[in-house]
Amino acid sequence: MQQLHALLGRISQFAVWVGGAALLGAAILVTLEIFLRFAFNISIGGADEISGYIFAASTTWAYSFCLLHRANVRIDAFYNFLPRPMRAVLDVVGVVLLLGYMGILTESALGVFLESWVNNSTAITTLQTPLWIPQLFWLAGLVLFIVTLIVVALYSLLTLLRGDIAGVQRIAGVRSIEEEVISETHGMGTNTPAGGV
């Protein structure tokens, strides 16, 4: 499971880079569109539509990376007051519940994609984009996230059953303040004190 978890980490890292590059491309496209409209009163057309597709797809491509780096938002008002074993159980339950929710969402997304594919649906815009194309990229990010959730859920559950509470924390738990500081200052040439923050 550890090797599979690491493999998904590499895949999600690649997906984030691709999504980030696509967002940068969309930003350049929109900037060029604004400049051409302002300077020459001409439009290349479709910049807003394309950037919308890219934003939707790249967002889903970042989900797995966010999960594996435990950067997802967690409401932990009471969580920190609970004993560590209880927190580990809640971490596993949280991943399983997220998997259930994302399973429903991904099933719906698959239905939307298949409907667009079968009906050859196009956008009601000047580009008349075949909708299955952006939906395919959107769906691919969701499928990657589902696979990652399954692995994280199984890995954290098996780790919990072995009694490795610290292991569950590393796989699916809320990041500590020290981990947050290290993450935020990574690459800035700062050092975290040995005793923590």
N, C-alpha and C. Protein backbone atom coordinates (compact mmCIF):
# COMPACT_ATOMS: atom_id res chain seq x y z
N MET A 1 0.83 -1.21 0.00
CA MET A 1 0.00 0.00 0.00
C MET A 1 0.87 1.26 0.00
N GLN A 2 1.98 1.19 0.69
CA GLN A 2 2.86 2.35 0.77
C GLN A 2 3.40 2.73 -0.61
N GLN A 3 3.75 1.70 -1.41
CA GLN A 3 4.26 1.96 -2.77
C GLN A 3 3.17 2.54 -3.66
N LEU A 4 1.96 2.03 -3.52
CA LEU A 4 0.83 2.55 -4.30
C LEU A 4 0.52 3.99 -3.90
N HIS A 5 0.60 4.26 -2.61
CA HIS A 5 0.40 5.62 -2.09
C HIS A 5 1.45 6.56 -2.67
N ALA A 6 2.70 6.11 -2.71
CA ALA A 6 3.79 6.92 -3.27
C ALA A 6 3.62 7.14 -4.77
N LEU A 7 3.16 6.09 -5.48
CA LEU A 7 2.92 6.22 -6.92
C LEU A 7 1.84 7.26 -7.20
N LEU A 8 0.76 7.20 -6.44
CA LEU A 8 -0.31 8.19 -6.60
C LEU A 8 0.19 9.59 -6.28
N GLY A 9 1.13 9.68 -5.34
CA GLY A 9 1.73 10.97 -5.03
C GLY A 9 2.45 11.55 -6.24
N ARG A 10 3.19 10.70 -6.97
CA ARG A 10 3.91 11.16 -8.17
C ARG A 10 2.93 11.52 -9.28
N ILE A 11 1.89 10.71 -9.45
CA ILE A 11 0.89 11.00 -10.49
C ILE A 11 0.16 12.30 -10.18
N SER A 12 -0.21 12.49 -8.92
CA SER A 12 -0.93 13.71 -8.55
C SER A 12 -0.03 14.94 -8.68
N GLN A 13 1.26 14.77 -8.41
CA GLN A 13 2.22 15.88 -8.60
C GLN A 13 2.26 16.29 -10.07
N PHE A 14 2.31 15.29 -10.96
CA PHE A 14 2.30 15.57 -12.40
C PHE A 14 1.00 16.26 -12.80
N ALA A 15 -0.13 15.75 -12.28
CA ALA A 15 -1.43 16.33 -12.61
C ALA A 15 -1.51 17.79 -12.18
N VAL A 16 -0.94 18.11 -11.02
CA VAL A 16 -0.96 19.49 -10.53
C VAL A 16 -0.12 20.39 -11.43
N TRP A 17 1.02 19.89 -11.88
CA TRP A 17 1.87 20.67 -12.77
C TRP A 17 1.16 20.92 -14.10
N VAL A 18 0.50 19.90 -14.64
CA VAL A 18 -0.22 20.05 -15.90
C VAL A 18 -1.37 21.04 -15.73
N GLY A 19 -2.12 20.88 -14.64
CA GLY A 19 -3.22 21.81 -14.37
C GLY A 19 -2.74 23.24 -14.18
N GLY A 20 -1.62 23.39 -13.47
CA GLY A 20 -1.05 24.73 -13.26
C GLY A 20 -0.59 25.35 -14.57
N ALA A 21 0.04 24.55 -15.43
CA ALA A 21 0.47 25.05 -16.74
C ALA A 21 -0.73 25.46 -17.58
N ALA A 22 -1.81 24.66 -17.51
CA ALA A 22 -3.03 24.99 -18.25
C ALA A 22 -3.64 26.30 -17.74
N LEU A 23 -3.65 26.50 -16.41
CA LEU A 23 -4.16 27.75 -15.84
C LEU A 23 -3.30 28.94 -16.27
N LEU A 24 -2.00 28.74 -16.29
CA LEU A 24 -1.11 29.81 -16.75
C LEU A 24 -1.39 30.15 -18.21
N GLY A 25 -1.59 29.12 -19.02
CA GLY A 25 -1.95 29.35 -20.42
C GLY A 25 -3.25 30.10 -20.56
N ALA A 26 -4.23 29.74 -19.72
CA ALA A 26 -5.52 30.44 -19.76
C ALA A 26 -5.36 31.90 -19.35
N ALA A 27 -4.53 32.15 -18.35
CA ALA A 27 -4.28 33.53 -17.90
C ALA A 27 -3.64 34.35 -19.01
N ILE A 28 -2.69 33.75 -19.73
CA ILE A 28 -2.03 34.44 -20.85
C ILE A 28 -3.05 34.72 -21.95
N LEU A 29 -3.91 33.74 -22.23
CA LEU A 29 -4.93 33.91 -23.26
C LEU A 29 -5.88 35.05 -22.92
N VAL A 30 -6.34 35.10 -21.68
CA VAL A 30 -7.26 36.16 -21.26
C VAL A 30 -6.56 37.52 -21.29
N THR A 31 -5.31 37.55 -20.86
CA THR A 31 -4.54 38.81 -20.90
C THR A 31 -4.38 39.30 -22.33
N LEU A 32 -4.08 38.39 -23.24
CA LEU A 32 -3.94 38.74 -24.66
C LEU A 32 -5.27 39.25 -25.22
N GLU A 33 -6.35 38.59 -24.83
CA GLU A 33 -7.69 39.02 -25.27
C GLU A 33 -7.98 40.45 -24.80
N ILE A 34 -7.69 40.75 -23.55
CA ILE A 34 -7.93 42.09 -23.00
C ILE A 34 -7.07 43.12 -23.72
N PHE A 35 -5.80 42.78 -23.93
CA PHE A 35 -4.90 43.72 -24.61
C PHE A 35 -5.37 44.02 -26.03
N LEU A 36 -5.74 42.97 -26.78
CA LEU A 36 -6.19 43.16 -28.16
C LEU A 36 -7.46 43.98 -28.23
N ARG A 37 -8.37 43.75 -27.28
CA ARG A 37 -9.61 44.54 -27.26
C ARG A 37 -9.32 46.01 -26.95
N PHE A 38 -8.43 46.24 -25.99
CA PHE A 38 -8.12 47.60 -25.57
C PHE A 38 -7.32 48.35 -26.64
N ALA A 39 -6.30 47.68 -27.20
CA ALA A 39 -5.38 48.37 -28.11
C ALA A 39 -5.89 48.43 -29.55
N PHE A 40 -6.54 47.34 -30.01
CA PHE A 40 -6.89 47.28 -31.43
C PHE A 40 -8.39 47.05 -31.67
N ASN A 41 -9.16 46.97 -30.60
CA ASN A 41 -10.61 46.75 -30.70
C ASN A 41 -10.95 45.48 -31.48
N ILE A 42 -10.12 44.43 -31.27
CA ILE A 42 -10.41 43.15 -31.89
C ILE A 42 -10.42 42.07 -30.81
N SER A 43 -11.05 40.94 -31.13
CA SER A 43 -11.16 39.85 -30.16
C SER A 43 -10.78 38.54 -30.82
N ILE A 44 -10.02 37.73 -30.09
CA ILE A 44 -9.71 36.40 -30.61
C ILE A 44 -10.87 35.44 -30.37
N GLY A 45 -11.76 35.79 -29.44
CA GLY A 45 -12.99 35.04 -29.20
C GLY A 45 -12.80 33.75 -28.42
N GLY A 46 -13.69 33.52 -27.50
CA GLY A 46 -13.71 32.27 -26.76
C GLY A 46 -12.76 32.17 -25.59
N ALA A 47 -12.04 33.25 -25.27
CA ALA A 47 -11.07 33.19 -24.17
C ALA A 47 -11.76 32.88 -22.85
N ASP A 48 -12.91 33.50 -22.63
CA ASP A 48 -13.64 33.27 -21.37
C ASP A 48 -14.16 31.83 -21.29
N GLU A 49 -14.62 31.31 -22.41
CA GLU A 49 -15.14 29.94 -22.44
C GLU A 49 -14.03 28.93 -22.19
N ILE A 50 -12.92 29.09 -22.90
CA ILE A 50 -11.79 28.17 -22.76
C ILE A 50 -11.22 28.22 -21.35
N SER A 51 -11.07 29.42 -20.81
CA SER A 51 -10.53 29.54 -19.45
C SER A 51 -11.47 28.91 -18.42
N GLY A 52 -12.77 28.97 -18.66
CA GLY A 52 -13.72 28.31 -17.77
C GLY A 52 -13.56 26.80 -17.77
N TYR A 53 -13.39 26.23 -18.97
CA TYR A 53 -13.16 24.79 -19.08
C TYR A 53 -11.87 24.39 -18.37
N ILE A 54 -10.82 25.17 -18.60
CA ILE A 54 -9.52 24.87 -17.99
C ILE A 54 -9.61 24.95 -16.47
N PHE A 55 -10.29 25.96 -15.97
CA PHE A 55 -10.42 26.11 -14.52
C PHE A 55 -11.15 24.92 -13.91
N ALA A 56 -12.25 24.50 -14.54
CA ALA A 56 -13.03 23.36 -14.01
C ALA A 56 -12.20 22.09 -14.01
N ALA A 57 -11.49 21.81 -15.11
CA ALA A 57 -10.70 20.59 -15.20
C ALA A 57 -9.50 20.62 -14.26
N SER A 58 -8.77 21.72 -14.25
CA SER A 58 -7.56 21.79 -13.43
C SER A 58 -7.88 21.73 -11.94
N THR A 59 -9.05 22.19 -11.57
CA THR A 59 -9.47 22.09 -10.17
C THR A 59 -9.57 20.63 -9.75
N THR A 60 -10.23 19.81 -10.57
CA THR A 60 -10.37 18.39 -10.21
C THR A 60 -9.03 17.67 -10.26
N TRP A 61 -8.13 18.12 -11.11
CA TRP A 61 -6.81 17.49 -11.20
C TRP A 61 -5.96 17.76 -9.97
N ALA A 62 -6.34 18.76 -9.19
CA ALA A 62 -5.58 19.10 -7.98
C ALA A 62 -6.12 18.39 -6.73
N TYR A 63 -7.30 17.78 -6.82
CA TYR A 63 -7.92 17.16 -5.64
C TYR A 63 -7.02 16.10 -5.01
N SER A 64 -6.45 15.22 -5.83
CA SER A 64 -5.64 14.11 -5.30
C SER A 64 -4.40 14.64 -4.59
N PHE A 65 -3.75 15.61 -5.19
CA PHE A 65 -2.56 16.21 -4.58
C PHE A 65 -2.92 16.82 -3.22
N CYS A 66 -4.04 17.51 -3.20
CA CYS A 66 -4.51 18.14 -1.96
C CYS A 66 -4.77 17.09 -0.87
N LEU A 67 -5.40 15.98 -1.24
CA LEU A 67 -5.69 14.92 -0.28
C LEU A 67 -4.41 14.27 0.23
N LEU A 68 -3.50 13.93 -0.68
CA LEU A 68 -2.27 13.23 -0.29
C LEU A 68 -1.35 14.10 0.57
N HIS A 69 -1.45 15.42 0.42
CA HIS A 69 -0.66 16.33 1.23
C HIS A 69 -1.45 16.89 2.41
N ARG A 70 -2.63 16.30 2.62
CA ARG A 70 -3.51 16.67 3.74
C ARG A 70 -3.72 18.18 3.80
N ALA A 71 -3.94 18.78 2.63
CA ALA A 71 -4.14 20.22 2.55
C ALA A 71 -5.61 20.58 2.41
N ASN A 72 -6.48 19.57 2.43
CA ASN A 72 -7.91 19.84 2.33
C ASN A 72 -8.42 20.50 3.62
N VAL A 73 -9.45 21.30 3.48
CA VAL A 73 -10.02 22.01 4.63
C VAL A 73 -10.71 21.02 5.54
N ARG A 74 -10.41 21.10 6.82
CA ARG A 74 -11.04 20.25 7.82
C ARG A 74 -11.55 21.14 8.95
N ILE A 75 -12.75 20.89 9.40
CA ILE A 75 -13.30 21.61 10.55
C ILE A 75 -12.88 20.84 11.80
N ASP A 76 -11.95 21.41 12.55
CA ASP A 76 -11.35 20.66 13.66
C ASP A 76 -11.51 21.35 15.00
N ALA A 77 -12.67 22.01 15.19
CA ALA A 77 -12.90 22.73 16.45
C ALA A 77 -12.82 21.80 17.65
N PHE A 78 -13.42 20.60 17.56
CA PHE A 78 -13.42 19.65 18.67
C PHE A 78 -12.37 18.55 18.48
N TYR A 79 -11.95 18.37 17.24
CA TYR A 79 -11.02 17.30 16.87
C TYR A 79 -9.76 17.33 17.74
N ASN A 80 -9.18 18.51 17.93
CA ASN A 80 -7.92 18.64 18.66
C ASN A 80 -8.04 18.33 20.16
N PHE A 81 -9.28 18.33 20.68
CA PHE A 81 -9.48 18.03 22.10
C PHE A 81 -9.69 16.55 22.37
N LEU A 82 -9.81 15.76 21.30
CA LEU A 82 -10.08 14.32 21.45
C LEU A 82 -8.78 13.55 21.63
N PRO A 83 -8.86 12.37 22.24
CA PRO A 83 -7.68 11.50 22.36
C PRO A 83 -7.19 11.08 20.98
N ARG A 84 -5.91 10.81 20.85
CA ARG A 84 -5.32 10.47 19.55
C ARG A 84 -5.98 9.26 18.88
N PRO A 85 -6.31 8.19 19.62
CA PRO A 85 -6.99 7.06 18.96
C PRO A 85 -8.35 7.45 18.36
N MET A 86 -9.09 8.31 19.07
CA MET A 86 -10.38 8.75 18.55
C MET A 86 -10.19 9.62 17.30
N ARG A 87 -9.16 10.45 17.31
CA ARG A 87 -8.87 11.28 16.14
C ARG A 87 -8.53 10.40 14.93
N ALA A 88 -7.77 9.32 15.18
CA ALA A 88 -7.41 8.41 14.10
C ALA A 88 -8.64 7.75 13.50
N VAL A 89 -9.57 7.33 14.35
CA VAL A 89 -10.83 6.74 13.87
C VAL A 89 -11.60 7.76 13.03
N LEU A 90 -11.69 9.00 13.52
CA LEU A 90 -12.40 10.05 12.78
C LEU A 90 -11.72 10.36 11.45
N ASP A 91 -10.40 10.27 11.41
CA ASP A 91 -9.67 10.50 10.15
C ASP A 91 -10.09 9.47 9.11
N VAL A 92 -10.15 8.20 9.52
CA VAL A 92 -10.55 7.13 8.60
C VAL A 92 -12.01 7.31 8.18
N VAL A 93 -12.87 7.60 9.14
CA VAL A 93 -14.30 7.82 8.83
C VAL A 93 -14.46 8.99 7.87
N GLY A 94 -13.69 10.05 8.09
CA GLY A 94 -13.76 11.23 7.22
C GLY A 94 -13.40 10.90 5.78
N VAL A 95 -12.35 10.09 5.60
CA VAL A 95 -11.94 9.70 4.24
C VAL A 95 -13.01 8.83 3.59
N VAL A 96 -13.58 7.91 4.36
CA VAL A 96 -14.62 7.03 3.82
C VAL A 96 -15.86 7.83 3.42
N LEU A 97 -16.26 8.79 4.25
CA LEU A 97 -17.41 9.63 3.92
C LEU A 97 -17.15 10.48 2.67
N LEU A 98 -15.93 11.01 2.57
CA LEU A 98 -15.57 11.78 1.39
C LEU A 98 -15.59 10.90 0.14
N LEU A 99 -15.14 9.66 0.29
CA LEU A 99 -15.18 8.71 -0.82
C LEU A 99 -16.62 8.47 -1.26
N GLY A 100 -17.53 8.30 -0.30
CA GLY A 100 -18.94 8.10 -0.64
C GLY A 100 -19.52 9.29 -1.39
N TYR A 101 -19.23 10.49 -0.91
CA TYR A 101 -19.74 11.70 -1.56
C TYR A 101 -19.17 11.84 -2.97
N MET A 102 -17.85 11.65 -3.09
CA MET A 102 -17.21 11.79 -4.40
C MET A 102 -17.65 10.69 -5.36
N GLY A 103 -17.99 9.53 -4.82
CA GLY A 103 -18.51 8.46 -5.68
C GLY A 103 -19.82 8.88 -6.34
N ILE A 104 -20.71 9.50 -5.57
CA ILE A 104 -21.98 9.99 -6.11
C ILE A 104 -21.73 11.08 -7.15
N LEU A 105 -20.83 12.01 -6.81
CA LEU A 105 -20.53 13.11 -7.73
C LEU A 105 -19.90 12.60 -9.03
N THR A 106 -18.97 11.66 -8.91
CA THR A 106 -18.29 11.13 -10.10
C THR A 106 -19.25 10.33 -10.97
N GLU A 107 -20.17 9.61 -10.34
CA GLU A 107 -21.18 8.88 -11.11
C GLU A 107 -22.04 9.85 -11.91
N SER A 108 -22.42 10.97 -11.29
CA SER A 108 -23.21 11.99 -11.99
C SER A 108 -22.40 12.62 -13.12
N ALA A 109 -21.12 12.88 -12.86
CA ALA A 109 -20.25 13.46 -13.89
C ALA A 109 -20.09 12.52 -15.07
N LEU A 110 -19.99 11.22 -14.78
CA LEU A 110 -19.90 10.22 -15.85
C LEU A 110 -21.17 10.24 -16.70
N GLY A 111 -22.32 10.36 -16.04
CA GLY A 111 -23.60 10.43 -16.76
C GLY A 111 -23.66 11.65 -17.67
N VAL A 112 -23.20 12.79 -17.17
CA VAL A 112 -23.18 14.02 -17.97
C VAL A 112 -22.27 13.86 -19.18
N PHE A 113 -21.07 13.29 -18.95
CA PHE A 113 -20.12 13.07 -20.04
C PHE A 113 -20.70 12.14 -21.10
N LEU A 114 -21.29 11.01 -20.67
CA LEU A 114 -21.83 10.04 -21.63
C LEU A 114 -22.99 10.63 -22.42
N GLU A 115 -23.80 11.45 -21.76
CA GLU A 115 -24.92 12.10 -22.46
C GLU A 115 -24.40 13.05 -23.52
N SER A 116 -23.37 13.82 -23.17
CA SER A 116 -22.78 14.75 -24.15
C SER A 116 -22.14 14.00 -25.30
N TRP A 117 -21.51 12.86 -25.00
CA TRP A 117 -20.85 12.05 -26.02
C TRP A 117 -21.87 11.44 -26.99
N VAL A 118 -22.91 10.83 -26.43
CA VAL A 118 -23.92 10.16 -27.25
C VAL A 118 -24.69 11.16 -28.11
N ASN A 119 -25.05 12.29 -27.51
CA ASN A 119 -25.86 13.30 -28.23
C ASN A 119 -25.01 14.28 -29.02
N ASN A 120 -23.67 14.13 -28.93
CA ASN A 120 -22.76 15.07 -29.60
C ASN A 120 -23.13 16.51 -29.26
N SER A 121 -23.35 16.78 -27.98
CA SER A 121 -23.76 18.10 -27.52
C SER A 121 -22.63 19.11 -27.69
N THR A 122 -23.01 20.32 -28.07
CA THR A 122 -22.04 21.39 -28.22
C THR A 122 -22.46 22.58 -27.36
N ALA A 123 -21.47 23.42 -27.03
CA ALA A 123 -21.75 24.62 -26.25
C ALA A 123 -22.55 25.61 -27.09
N ILE A 124 -23.43 26.36 -26.42
CA ILE A 124 -24.23 27.37 -27.12
C ILE A 124 -23.42 28.66 -27.16
N THR A 125 -22.29 28.60 -27.85
CA THR A 125 -21.37 29.74 -27.96
C THR A 125 -20.87 29.80 -29.40
N THR A 126 -20.10 30.84 -29.70
CA THR A 126 -19.56 30.96 -31.05
C THR A 126 -18.56 29.83 -31.36
N LEU A 127 -17.86 29.32 -30.33
CA LEU A 127 -16.92 28.21 -30.56
C LEU A 127 -17.63 26.89 -30.82
N GLN A 128 -18.84 26.75 -30.29
CA GLN A 128 -19.60 25.50 -30.40
C GLN A 128 -18.73 24.29 -30.02
N THR A 129 -18.08 24.40 -28.89
CA THR A 129 -17.20 23.34 -28.40
C THR A 129 -17.99 22.06 -28.13
N PRO A 130 -17.53 20.92 -28.67
CA PRO A 130 -18.15 19.65 -28.26
C PRO A 130 -17.95 19.47 -26.75
N LEU A 131 -19.03 19.40 -26.01
CA LEU A 131 -18.94 19.44 -24.55
C LEU A 131 -18.24 18.22 -23.95
N TRP A 132 -18.21 17.12 -24.68
CA TRP A 132 -17.55 15.94 -24.11
C TRP A 132 -16.05 16.15 -23.94
N ILE A 133 -15.45 17.08 -24.70
CA ILE A 133 -14.00 17.29 -24.60
C ILE A 133 -13.61 17.89 -23.25
N PRO A 134 -14.16 19.06 -22.86
CA PRO A 134 -13.80 19.56 -21.52
C PRO A 134 -14.32 18.67 -20.40
N GLN A 135 -15.47 18.02 -20.64
CA GLN A 135 -16.02 17.13 -19.60
C GLN A 135 -15.14 15.90 -19.39
N LEU A 136 -14.45 15.46 -20.43
CA LEU A 136 -13.55 14.32 -20.31
C LEU A 136 -12.39 14.65 -19.36
N PHE A 137 -11.81 15.84 -19.51
CA PHE A 137 -10.72 16.26 -18.63
C PHE A 137 -11.21 16.46 -17.20
N TRP A 138 -12.40 17.01 -17.06
CA TRP A 138 -13.03 17.20 -15.75
C TRP A 138 -13.26 15.84 -15.08
N LEU A 139 -13.80 14.91 -15.84
CA LEU A 139 -14.08 13.56 -15.32
C LEU A 139 -12.80 12.82 -14.97
N ALA A 140 -11.74 13.01 -15.77
CA ALA A 140 -10.46 12.33 -15.51
C ALA A 140 -9.92 12.73 -14.14
N GLY A 141 -10.03 14.02 -13.79
CA GLY A 141 -9.59 14.47 -12.48
C GLY A 141 -10.40 13.85 -11.36
N LEU A 142 -11.69 13.71 -11.57
CA LEU A 142 -12.55 13.10 -10.55
C LEU A 142 -12.24 11.61 -10.38
N VAL A 143 -11.98 10.93 -11.48
CA VAL A 143 -11.65 9.49 -11.41
C VAL A 143 -10.31 9.30 -10.68
N LEU A 144 -9.33 10.14 -10.98
CA LEU A 144 -8.06 10.07 -10.26
C LEU A 144 -8.28 10.29 -8.77
N PHE A 145 -9.16 11.21 -8.43
CA PHE A 145 -9.44 11.48 -7.02
C PHE A 145 -10.11 10.30 -6.35
N ILE A 146 -11.05 9.64 -7.05
CA ILE A 146 -11.72 8.46 -6.51
C ILE A 146 -10.70 7.35 -6.24
N VAL A 147 -9.81 7.10 -7.19
CA VAL A 147 -8.78 6.07 -7.02
C VAL A 147 -7.91 6.41 -5.82
N THR A 148 -7.52 7.68 -5.71
CA THR A 148 -6.69 8.12 -4.58
C THR A 148 -7.42 7.95 -3.26
N LEU A 149 -8.71 8.30 -3.24
CA LEU A 149 -9.51 8.15 -2.02
C LEU A 149 -9.60 6.68 -1.60
N ILE A 150 -9.79 5.79 -2.56
CA ILE A 150 -9.88 4.36 -2.24
C ILE A 150 -8.58 3.89 -1.60
N VAL A 151 -7.46 4.27 -2.20
CA VAL A 151 -6.15 3.86 -1.67
C VAL A 151 -5.92 4.45 -0.28
N VAL A 152 -6.20 5.74 -0.12
CA VAL A 152 -6.00 6.39 1.19
C VAL A 152 -6.92 5.78 2.24
N ALA A 153 -8.18 5.49 1.87
CA ALA A 153 -9.12 4.89 2.82
C ALA A 153 -8.63 3.51 3.27
N LEU A 154 -8.23 2.67 2.32
CA LEU A 154 -7.75 1.33 2.67
C LEU A 154 -6.44 1.38 3.46
N TYR A 155 -5.55 2.24 3.02
CA TYR A 155 -4.24 2.37 3.67
C TYR A 155 -4.40 2.86 5.11
N SER A 156 -5.22 3.87 5.30
CA SER A 156 -5.42 4.40 6.66
C SER A 156 -6.18 3.40 7.54
N LEU A 157 -7.13 2.65 6.97
CA LEU A 157 -7.88 1.66 7.74
C LEU A 157 -6.96 0.52 8.18
N LEU A 158 -6.15 0.02 7.25
CA LEU A 158 -5.20 -1.05 7.60
C LEU A 158 -4.19 -0.58 8.64
N THR A 159 -3.76 0.66 8.51
CA THR A 159 -2.82 1.23 9.49
C THR A 159 -3.47 1.35 10.85
N LEU A 160 -4.74 1.75 10.87
CA LEU A 160 -5.48 1.85 12.14
C LEU A 160 -5.65 0.47 12.78
N LEU A 161 -5.97 -0.53 11.97
CA LEU A 161 -6.16 -1.89 12.50
C LEU A 161 -4.86 -2.47 13.05
N ARG A 162 -3.72 -2.00 12.55
CA ARG A 162 -2.43 -2.42 13.10
C ARG A 162 -2.10 -1.67 14.38
N GLY A 163 -2.90 -0.67 14.72
CA GLY A 163 -2.68 0.10 15.94
C GLY A 163 -1.66 1.23 15.77
N ASP A 164 -1.33 1.56 14.53
CA ASP A 164 -0.36 2.63 14.26
C ASP A 164 -1.09 3.97 14.16
N ILE A 165 -1.34 4.59 15.30
CA ILE A 165 -2.10 5.84 15.34
C ILE A 165 -1.33 6.97 14.64
N ALA A 166 -0.01 7.02 14.86
CA ALA A 166 0.81 8.05 14.21
C ALA A 166 0.80 7.87 12.69
N GLY A 167 0.75 6.61 12.25
CA GLY A 167 0.69 6.34 10.82
C GLY A 167 -0.59 6.86 10.19
N VAL A 168 -1.71 6.67 10.87
CA VAL A 168 -2.99 7.20 10.37
C VAL A 168 -2.91 8.72 10.27
N GLN A 169 -2.29 9.34 11.27
CA GLN A 169 -2.12 10.80 11.26
C GLN A 169 -1.34 11.25 10.02
N ARG A 170 -0.28 10.51 9.69
CA ARG A 170 0.54 10.87 8.53
C ARG A 170 -0.20 10.67 7.22
N ILE A 171 -1.10 9.69 7.17
CA ILE A 171 -1.80 9.37 5.93
C ILE A 171 -3.04 10.23 5.73
N ALA A 172 -3.85 10.38 6.78
CA ALA A 172 -5.16 11.01 6.60
C ALA A 172 -5.51 12.05 7.65
N GLY A 173 -4.61 12.32 8.57
CA GLY A 173 -4.94 13.23 9.66
C GLY A 173 -4.80 14.70 9.31
N VAL A 174 -5.24 15.52 10.23
CA VAL A 174 -5.08 16.97 10.09
C VAL A 174 -3.61 17.32 10.32
N ARG A 175 -3.06 18.17 9.49
CA ARG A 175 -1.66 18.56 9.67
C ARG A 175 -1.48 19.35 10.95
N SER A 176 -0.37 19.09 11.63
CA SER A 176 -0.05 19.83 12.85
C SER A 176 0.37 21.25 12.49
N ILE A 177 0.44 22.10 13.50
CA ILE A 177 0.87 23.48 13.27
C ILE A 177 2.28 23.50 12.71
N GLU A 178 3.14 22.63 13.24
CA GLU A 178 4.52 22.56 12.74
C GLU A 178 4.56 22.17 11.28
N GLU A 179 3.74 21.18 10.89
CA GLU A 179 3.69 20.76 9.49
C GLU A 179 3.18 21.89 8.60
N GLU A 180 2.20 22.65 9.11
CA GLU A 180 1.67 23.80 8.35
C GLU A 180 2.76 24.84 8.12
N VAL A 181 3.52 25.14 9.18
CA VAL A 181 4.58 26.13 9.07
C VAL A 181 5.65 25.68 8.08
N ILE A 182 6.04 24.41 8.17
CA ILE A 182 7.05 23.87 7.25
C ILE A 182 6.54 23.95 5.81
N SER A 183 5.26 23.61 5.61
CA SER A 183 4.67 23.66 4.27
C SER A 183 4.64 25.08 3.72
N GLU A 184 4.27 26.03 4.57
CA GLU A 184 4.15 27.42 4.12
C GLU A 184 5.50 28.07 3.88
N THR A 185 6.53 27.64 4.61
CA THR A 185 7.84 28.28 4.48
C THR A 185 8.81 27.46 3.63
N HIS A 186 8.32 26.37 3.02
CA HIS A 186 9.17 25.50 2.21
C HIS A 186 9.83 26.31 1.09
N GLY A 187 11.13 26.19 1.00
CA GLY A 187 11.86 26.88 -0.05
C GLY A 187 12.15 28.34 0.21
N MET A 188 11.83 28.83 1.42
CA MET A 188 12.05 30.23 1.74
C MET A 188 13.33 30.45 2.54
N GLY A 189 14.08 29.37 2.78
CA GLY A 189 15.34 29.49 3.50
C GLY A 189 15.17 29.68 4.98
N THR A 190 14.00 29.26 5.52
CA THR A 190 13.77 29.37 6.96
C THR A 190 13.93 28.02 7.62
N ASN A 191 14.23 28.01 8.88
CA ASN A 191 14.39 26.77 9.62
C ASN A 191 13.39 26.73 10.76
N THR A 192 12.77 25.55 10.95
CA THR A 192 11.86 25.37 12.08
C THR A 192 12.67 24.98 13.30
N PRO A 193 12.41 25.61 14.43
CA PRO A 193 13.13 25.24 15.65
C PRO A 193 12.96 23.76 15.97
N ALA A 194 13.98 23.16 16.56
CA ALA A 194 13.98 21.72 16.82
C ALA A 194 12.83 21.30 17.71
N GLY A 195 12.42 22.14 18.63
CA GLY A 195 11.35 21.78 19.55
C GLY A 195 9.97 22.05 19.04
N GLY A 196 9.84 22.46 17.79
CA GLY A 196 8.54 22.78 17.23
C GLY A 196 8.40 24.27 17.10
N VAL A 197 7.19 24.73 16.85
CA VAL A 197 6.93 26.14 16.62
C VAL A 197 6.65 26.85 17.92
